Amino acid sequence: MPDPDLICEVRTEGGTYRDWINVAVEQNFMNEGWIRSFRLVCAEPSAVANLRLKPGDRVDIALAGQVVIKEGYIRDRQAAFDANRHAVQVTGYGKAGLITEASINGGTGQYRGYKLDAIANSVLKPYGLKFRVQNGAEGWDAPFPNVMVRFGETPFDLISRLCRQRNLFFYADAAGNVVAGPKSGSGTVAFVEGQNILSANCQLRHLAVESLVSNSQQPGSDSLFGKKASEIQAKATVSGGTPGAMRKVLAEMPLDQKGAQLRTNWEAAALQAMALQLQLTYQGWLKPGTGGLWEPSDGVTVKSPMLFATATGEQELKVAGYAYTQDPNGGTITTLDLVNKLAWEQRKGDAMKNDGFYDLGNGPAQPEAAL
């Protein structure tokens, strides 16, 4: 009897499909894969003959009995055969895929004095999706004085633009709802060299700059004028960067002083995500020791003296993305994309350093006088 932990099911109104020779389900908050996507190949003659999936069909994707994509869409179907071979491949994405392609209803719009979550939920409502913030940075819920929807902007474009101004990364959950901010209260999964790691590839990067400066401005008024309105800046330091090297960022929209600091912190977190990138592969789809499927920002500890030239050889990391795969040659495996935990958690000014030599320890951005 097949091991249920190795079965990928595509559940539809017309039935459930299980006869796949290749499976790939992916998500990564650092790129367009944040929406959850899948690619499945069927080649068994009897299964191919009965495969009725087509573009536009709604599907649930379950791995090891757990739903990873709920009410997703088949986007493409590709069938091919010759005298010796025949196969059908279907690809698709989770429900949130729609908000990356369709423009916001009406094409334009304006929101005065609304918070991020209210604006996001407004543009997501036509798609039956919701937006929520978990563990947001202090100040994320400050209302935006004036948000203009740009012509042709998609819900994804607008949410992405606003989240940058509030120091938030985001991703889609299994149902397609948009979640911003890191998880909390979840257990940490441990990986140890020589025990439960099939392969790993770690890249450490020297960050070229030692400081980040964001610049913005606000419309003038009787009470706000001069440099206080036109030259709003915030600065964050990046320990270990090249002395004197600075990166300047122009905010995508008008921001007050606190908004400029949050925008700078987002840029610093993005840099932290590049400082350490570890790709780790293990056997199976479920989390080792705890079960369950992965979510972006899940905590992981990796102990590997070969990967980390530190006293303990161990580091705490965060999940940026995952790829569940299965094929006749490689078997059933999961590949995690792991990044510096500071990509999700801005360091406090009085935080203690660990022994990780790439843990750069950038502090929260501070107000900066315009140069």
Protein backbone atom coordinates (compact mmCIF):
# COMPACT_ATOMS: atom_id res chain seq x y z
CA MET A 1 0.00 0.00 0.00
CA PRO A 2 1.42 3.44 -0.95
CA ASP A 3 2.83 5.55 1.87
CA PRO A 4 0.27 8.37 2.43
CA ASP A 5 3.10 10.78 3.28
CA LEU A 6 4.37 10.43 -0.31
CA ILE A 7 1.09 11.09 -2.15
CA CYS A 8 0.17 14.30 -3.96
CA GLU A 9 -3.56 14.70 -4.49
CA VAL A 10 -5.28 17.13 -6.84
CA ARG A 11 -8.84 17.39 -5.57
CA THR A 12 -11.55 18.69 -7.89
CA GLU A 13 -15.32 18.61 -8.11
CA GLY A 14 -14.97 15.82 -10.69
CA GLY A 15 -12.71 13.62 -8.59
CA THR A 16 -9.23 13.26 -7.15
CA TYR A 17 -6.06 12.70 -9.19
CA ARG A 18 -3.03 10.93 -7.69
CA ASP A 19 -1.07 9.40 -10.60
CA TRP A 20 1.78 11.90 -10.93
CA ILE A 21 5.33 11.03 -11.91
CA ASN A 22 6.61 14.57 -11.30
CA VAL A 23 5.44 16.97 -8.60
CA ALA A 24 6.64 20.50 -7.82
CA VAL A 25 4.90 22.91 -5.43
CA GLU A 26 6.77 26.12 -4.59
CA GLN A 27 6.58 29.40 -2.70
CA ASN A 28 9.18 32.09 -1.93
CA PHE A 29 8.44 35.51 -0.44
CA MET A 30 11.56 36.97 -2.09
CA ASN A 31 10.20 36.65 -5.62
CA GLU A 32 6.99 36.21 -7.60
CA GLY A 33 6.69 32.71 -6.11
CA TRP A 34 5.05 34.25 -3.01
CA ILE A 35 1.67 33.23 -4.50
CA ARG A 36 2.25 29.42 -4.33
CA SER A 37 2.54 27.61 -7.64
CA PHE A 38 2.52 24.01 -8.84
CA ARG A 39 3.68 21.89 -11.78
CA LEU A 40 2.48 18.29 -12.16
CA VAL A 41 3.23 15.68 -14.84
CA CYS A 42 1.20 12.55 -15.58
CA ALA A 43 2.54 9.85 -17.93
CA GLU A 44 0.80 6.61 -16.94
CA PRO A 45 -1.25 5.55 -20.03
CA SER A 46 -4.49 4.84 -18.18
CA ALA A 47 -4.08 7.95 -16.02
CA VAL A 48 -3.37 10.19 -19.03
CA ALA A 49 -6.50 8.92 -20.75
CA ASN A 50 -8.61 9.86 -17.74
CA LEU A 51 -6.95 13.20 -16.95
CA ARG A 52 -9.58 15.88 -17.53
CA LEU A 53 -7.90 18.86 -15.90
CA LYS A 54 -7.90 21.98 -18.07
CA PRO A 55 -7.07 25.69 -17.75
CA GLY A 56 -9.48 27.49 -15.44
CA ASP A 57 -10.36 24.45 -13.33
CA ARG A 58 -10.40 25.04 -9.57
CA VAL A 59 -8.28 22.62 -7.56
CA ASP A 60 -7.05 21.85 -4.07
CA ILE A 61 -3.48 20.52 -3.88
CA ALA A 62 -2.71 18.24 -0.91
CA LEU A 63 0.70 16.82 0.00
CA ALA A 64 0.86 13.97 2.53
CA GLY A 65 -2.83 14.60 3.20
CA GLN A 66 -2.35 18.30 4.05
CA VAL A 67 -3.70 21.06 1.82
CA VAL A 68 -0.97 23.40 0.57
CA ILE A 69 -3.12 25.19 -2.05
CA LYS A 70 -6.87 25.68 -1.61
CA GLU A 71 -9.14 26.68 -4.51
CA GLY A 72 -6.21 27.29 -6.82
CA TYR A 73 -6.36 27.50 -10.61
CA ILE A 74 -5.06 25.37 -13.43
CA ARG A 75 -3.37 27.96 -15.65
CA ASP A 76 -1.76 25.84 -18.37
CA ARG A 77 -2.19 22.35 -19.76
CA GLN A 78 0.39 20.88 -22.12
CA ALA A 79 -0.05 17.44 -23.71
CA ALA A 80 2.43 15.68 -25.97
CA PHE A 81 2.97 12.22 -27.46
CA ASP A 82 4.92 10.27 -30.02
CA ALA A 83 5.21 6.57 -30.86
CA ASN A 84 6.93 5.79 -27.56
CA ARG A 85 5.95 8.46 -25.07
CA HIS A 86 2.93 10.40 -23.90
CA ALA A 87 2.49 12.86 -21.07
CA VAL A 88 0.32 15.67 -19.77
CA GLN A 89 1.65 18.55 -17.68
CA VAL A 90 -0.54 20.97 -15.76
CA THR A 91 0.70 24.12 -14.06
CA GLY A 92 -1.12 26.63 -11.94
CA TYR A 93 -1.15 28.82 -8.88
CA GLY A 94 -3.02 29.54 -5.68
CA LYS A 95 -6.01 31.83 -5.54
CA ALA A 96 -3.78 34.87 -4.96
CA GLY A 97 -2.36 34.48 -8.47
CA LEU A 98 -5.28 36.49 -9.81
CA ILE A 99 -4.19 39.67 -8.05
CA THR A 100 -0.88 39.70 -9.92
CA GLU A 101 -2.52 39.86 -13.35
CA ALA A 102 -5.76 41.86 -13.12
CA SER A 103 -5.73 45.61 -12.54
CA ILE A 104 -7.56 47.16 -9.62
CA ASN A 105 -11.24 47.64 -10.39
CA GLY A 106 -11.83 51.03 -11.97
CA GLY A 107 -8.16 51.42 -12.95
CA THR A 108 -7.62 54.30 -10.53
CA GLY A 109 -8.70 55.36 -7.05
CA GLN A 110 -7.81 57.34 -3.96
CA TYR A 111 -7.66 56.54 -0.24
CA ARG A 112 -7.38 59.41 2.25
CA GLY A 113 -6.51 58.62 5.86
CA TYR A 114 -6.79 54.83 5.55
CA LYS A 115 -4.51 52.25 7.14
CA LEU A 116 -2.61 49.65 5.12
CA ASP A 117 -4.90 46.76 6.01
CA ALA A 118 -8.04 48.73 5.12
CA ILE A 119 -6.67 49.67 1.70
CA ALA A 120 -5.42 46.14 1.01
CA ASN A 121 -8.73 44.54 1.99
CA SER A 122 -10.59 47.00 -0.23
CA VAL A 123 -8.69 45.99 -3.37
CA LEU A 124 -8.75 42.28 -2.47
CA LYS A 125 -12.49 42.11 -1.75
CA PRO A 126 -13.54 41.54 -5.41
CA TYR A 127 -11.41 38.37 -5.43
CA GLY A 128 -12.78 36.96 -2.17
CA LEU A 129 -9.40 37.40 -0.47
CA LYS A 130 -8.34 39.05 2.76
CA PHE A 131 -5.23 40.81 4.09
CA ARG A 132 -3.88 40.71 7.63
CA VAL A 133 -0.77 41.80 9.49
CA GLN A 134 0.91 39.65 12.13
CA ASN A 135 3.69 40.98 14.36
CA GLY A 136 4.01 44.16 12.34
CA ALA A 137 6.76 46.67 13.05
CA GLU A 138 5.84 49.52 15.38
CA GLY A 139 4.03 52.13 13.32
CA TRP A 140 2.82 49.84 10.55
CA ASP A 141 -0.79 50.80 11.32
CA ALA A 142 -0.31 54.55 10.90
CA PRO A 143 -2.85 55.84 8.34
CA PHE A 144 -1.60 56.99 4.95
CA PRO A 145 -2.65 60.62 4.37
CA ASN A 146 -3.25 60.05 0.67
CA VAL A 147 -2.79 56.94 -1.47
CA MET A 148 -3.36 57.21 -5.21
CA VAL A 149 -3.94 54.03 -7.20
CA ARG A 150 -1.76 54.27 -10.28
CA PHE A 151 -3.31 53.56 -13.65
CA GLY A 152 -3.22 49.84 -14.39
CA GLU A 153 -1.82 48.95 -10.97
CA THR A 154 -2.70 45.44 -9.79
CA PRO A 155 -3.70 44.66 -6.21
CA PHE A 156 -0.31 42.98 -5.81
CA ASP A 157 1.50 46.10 -7.07
CA LEU A 158 -0.34 48.38 -4.67
CA ILE A 159 0.01 46.09 -1.63
CA SER A 160 3.70 45.58 -2.38
CA ARG A 161 4.26 49.34 -2.64
CA LEU A 162 2.47 50.07 0.63
CA CYS A 163 4.12 47.20 2.53
CA ARG A 164 7.55 48.59 1.66
CA GLN A 165 6.56 51.85 3.33
CA ARG A 166 5.58 49.97 6.50
CA ASN A 167 8.56 47.57 6.73
CA LEU A 168 6.55 44.44 5.93
CA PHE A 169 7.24 41.38 3.82
CA PHE A 170 4.19 39.38 2.79
CA TYR A 171 3.13 36.05 1.32
CA ALA A 172 -0.01 34.09 0.43
CA ASP A 173 -1.44 31.44 2.73
CA ALA A 174 -2.98 28.18 1.50
CA ALA A 175 -6.33 29.86 0.80
CA GLY A 176 -4.72 32.72 -1.12
CA ASN A 177 -5.15 35.34 1.61
CA VAL A 178 -2.27 37.80 1.94
CA VAL A 179 -0.32 37.69 5.21
CA ALA A 180 2.23 40.37 6.10
CA GLY A 181 4.82 40.03 8.83
CA PRO A 182 6.56 37.07 10.51
CA LYS A 183 4.89 34.20 12.33
CA SER A 184 5.15 33.84 16.07
CA GLY A 185 4.63 31.01 18.49
CA SER A 186 5.64 28.27 16.05
CA GLY A 187 8.24 25.70 17.03
CA THR A 188 11.73 25.69 15.57
CA VAL A 189 12.77 22.75 13.40
CA ALA A 190 16.34 21.53 13.88
CA PHE A 191 18.58 20.33 11.06
CA VAL A 192 21.92 18.72 11.87
CA GLU A 193 24.73 17.88 9.49
CA GLY A 194 25.06 14.13 9.14
CA GLN A 195 21.58 13.41 10.48
CA ASN A 196 18.67 14.87 8.51
CA ILE A 197 20.27 16.99 5.78
CA LEU A 198 20.62 15.45 2.33
CA SER A 199 22.44 18.45 0.86
CA ALA A 200 23.08 22.10 1.58
CA ASN A 201 24.54 25.11 -0.18
CA CYS A 202 25.33 28.24 1.83
CA GLN A 203 26.29 31.63 0.43
CA LEU A 204 27.55 34.44 2.65
CA ARG A 205 27.78 37.90 1.12
CA HIS A 206 29.71 40.98 2.14
CA LEU A 207 27.30 43.89 1.98
CA ALA A 208 28.96 46.77 0.19
CA VAL A 209 27.38 49.65 2.08
CA GLU A 210 27.61 50.63 5.74
CA SER A 211 24.58 52.91 5.74
CA LEU A 212 21.19 53.35 4.12
CA VAL A 213 19.41 56.67 3.69
CA SER A 214 15.81 57.04 2.56
CA ASN A 215 14.46 60.35 1.34
CA SER A 216 10.86 61.47 1.00
CA GLN A 217 8.67 64.55 1.20
CA GLN A 218 5.14 65.62 2.03
CA PRO A 219 2.75 68.17 0.56
CA GLY A 220 3.19 71.56 2.23
CA SER A 221 0.54 73.29 4.33
CA ASP A 222 0.20 76.24 6.70
CA SER A 223 1.56 74.09 9.52
CA LEU A 224 4.06 72.02 7.50
CA PHE A 225 6.42 73.82 5.16
CA GLY A 226 10.07 74.27 4.21
CA LYS A 227 12.60 71.51 4.84
CA LYS A 228 10.26 69.76 7.29
CA ALA A 229 8.00 69.00 4.36
CA SER A 230 10.42 68.71 1.45
CA GLU A 231 13.47 67.02 2.96
CA ILE A 232 12.45 64.07 5.14
CA GLN A 233 15.21 61.52 5.67
CA ALA A 234 16.03 58.48 7.79
CA LYS A 235 19.29 56.57 8.16
CA ALA A 236 20.20 53.03 9.21
CA THR A 237 23.70 51.64 9.72
CA VAL A 238 24.85 48.25 8.47
CA SER A 239 27.74 46.91 10.55
CA GLY A 240 30.46 45.31 8.48
CA GLY A 241 29.79 47.28 5.32
CA THR A 242 32.45 49.22 3.47
CA PRO A 243 33.30 52.37 5.48
CA GLY A 244 31.86 55.47 3.89
CA ALA A 245 29.74 53.57 1.34
CA MET A 246 26.10 54.64 1.38
CA ARG A 247 22.97 53.58 -0.47
CA LYS A 248 20.30 56.21 -1.01
CA VAL A 249 16.69 55.23 -1.58
CA LEU A 250 13.92 57.52 -2.81
CA ALA A 251 10.60 56.51 -1.28
CA GLU A 252 7.94 55.54 -3.80
CA MET A 253 5.37 57.91 -2.27
CA PRO A 254 5.13 60.82 0.21
CA LEU A 255 6.04 59.78 3.77
CA ASP A 256 6.31 61.47 7.15
CA GLN A 257 9.37 60.99 9.37
CA LYS A 258 8.16 57.73 10.90
CA GLY A 259 7.21 56.41 7.47
CA ALA A 260 10.69 57.21 6.16
CA GLN A 261 12.22 55.24 9.04
CA LEU A 262 10.00 52.22 8.32
CA ARG A 263 10.90 52.40 4.60
CA THR A 264 14.60 52.45 5.52
CA ASN A 265 14.16 49.48 7.84
CA TRP A 266 12.54 47.52 4.99
CA GLU A 267 15.57 48.22 2.80
CA ALA A 268 17.89 47.09 5.59
CA ALA A 269 15.90 43.87 6.02
CA ALA A 270 16.13 43.19 2.27
CA LEU A 271 19.90 43.56 2.53
CA GLN A 272 19.95 41.13 5.44
CA ALA A 273 18.15 38.58 3.28
CA MET A 274 21.08 38.72 0.85
CA ALA A 275 23.76 38.53 3.55
CA LEU A 276 23.11 34.84 4.12
CA GLN A 277 21.30 32.48 1.77
CA LEU A 278 21.18 28.79 2.53
CA GLN A 279 19.48 26.16 0.40
CA LEU A 280 18.89 22.95 2.33
CA THR A 281 17.33 19.67 1.11
CA TYR A 282 15.89 16.85 3.22
CA GLN A 283 13.87 13.68 2.64
CA GLY A 284 10.08 13.93 2.58
CA TRP A 285 7.57 16.78 2.61
CA LEU A 286 6.62 17.13 6.27
CA LYS A 287 8.69 19.06 8.82
CA PRO A 288 11.19 16.73 10.50
CA GLY A 289 10.16 15.88 14.03
CA THR A 290 7.01 18.01 14.09
CA GLY A 291 5.03 17.23 10.94
CA GLY A 292 3.06 19.84 9.07
CA LEU A 293 3.94 21.86 5.98
CA TRP A 294 6.07 24.99 5.83
CA GLU A 295 5.10 28.65 5.95
CA PRO A 296 7.40 31.56 5.10
CA SER A 297 9.13 32.95 8.23
CA ASP A 298 9.05 29.58 10.03
CA GLY A 299 12.04 29.23 12.34
CA VAL A 300 14.88 26.79 11.66
CA THR A 301 18.17 26.01 13.38
CA VAL A 302 20.96 24.50 11.30
CA LYS A 303 24.01 22.93 12.94
CA SER A 304 26.78 22.43 10.43
CA PRO A 305 30.44 23.19 11.22
CA MET A 306 31.15 22.95 7.49
CA LEU A 307 28.66 25.67 6.56
CA PHE A 308 29.28 28.05 9.45
CA ALA A 309 32.79 28.97 10.51
CA THR A 310 31.64 29.98 14.00
CA ALA A 311 32.30 28.73 17.51
CA THR A 312 29.12 26.67 17.65
CA GLY A 313 28.66 25.92 13.95
CA GLU A 314 24.97 26.60 14.50
CA GLN A 315 22.66 29.36 13.29
CA GLU A 316 19.05 30.42 13.68
CA LEU A 317 17.46 31.11 10.29
CA LYS A 318 14.08 31.90 8.77
CA VAL A 319 12.27 30.23 5.87
CA ALA A 320 12.05 32.47 2.82
CA GLY A 321 10.61 29.73 0.62
CA TYR A 322 10.23 26.04 -0.03
CA ALA A 323 9.96 23.64 -2.96
CA TYR A 324 8.24 20.28 -2.53
CA THR A 325 9.26 17.92 -5.33
CA GLN A 326 8.88 14.30 -6.35
CA ASP A 327 10.21 12.41 -9.34
CA PRO A 328 11.38 8.86 -10.18
CA ASN A 329 15.07 9.75 -9.84
CA GLY A 330 15.21 12.15 -6.90
CA GLY A 331 12.38 10.71 -4.82
CA THR A 332 10.26 12.82 -2.48
CA ILE A 333 12.21 15.79 -1.10
CA THR A 334 11.81 19.32 0.21
CA THR A 335 14.25 22.12 -0.53
CA LEU A 336 14.17 25.11 1.82
CA ASP A 337 15.45 28.58 1.01
CA LEU A 338 16.68 29.99 4.33
CA VAL A 339 17.84 33.53 5.09
CA ASN A 340 19.25 35.55 7.93
CA LYS A 341 16.54 35.88 10.58
CA LEU A 342 17.03 39.65 10.54
CA ALA A 343 15.32 39.67 7.16
CA TRP A 344 12.11 39.16 9.15
CA GLU A 345 13.00 40.64 12.55
CA GLN A 346 14.48 44.11 12.84
CA ARG A 347 17.15 44.11 15.54
CA LYS A 348 16.50 46.21 18.60
CA GLY A 349 19.14 48.73 19.56
CA ASP A 350 20.10 46.88 22.76
CA ALA A 351 19.93 43.33 21.34
CA MET A 352 22.77 40.93 22.09
CA LYS A 353 24.81 39.61 19.19
CA ASN A 354 25.22 35.92 18.53
CA ASP A 355 28.46 34.43 17.25
CA GLY A 356 27.42 34.49 13.60
CA PHE A 357 30.01 36.50 11.70
CA TYR A 358 27.46 37.45 9.04
CA ASP A 359 24.87 38.63 11.60
CA LEU A 360 25.34 42.28 10.79
CA GLY A 361 23.21 43.71 13.53
CA ASN A 362 21.80 46.77 11.77
CA GLY A 363 19.71 48.83 14.17
CA PRO A 364 16.38 50.56 13.57
CA ALA A 365 16.53 53.57 11.29
CA GLN A 366 16.78 56.99 12.89
CA PRO A 367 15.71 60.46 11.71
CA GLU A 368 18.35 62.06 9.55
CA ALA A 369 18.82 65.64 8.49
CA ALA A 370 18.74 66.13 4.73
CA LEU A 371 22.18 66.43 3.14
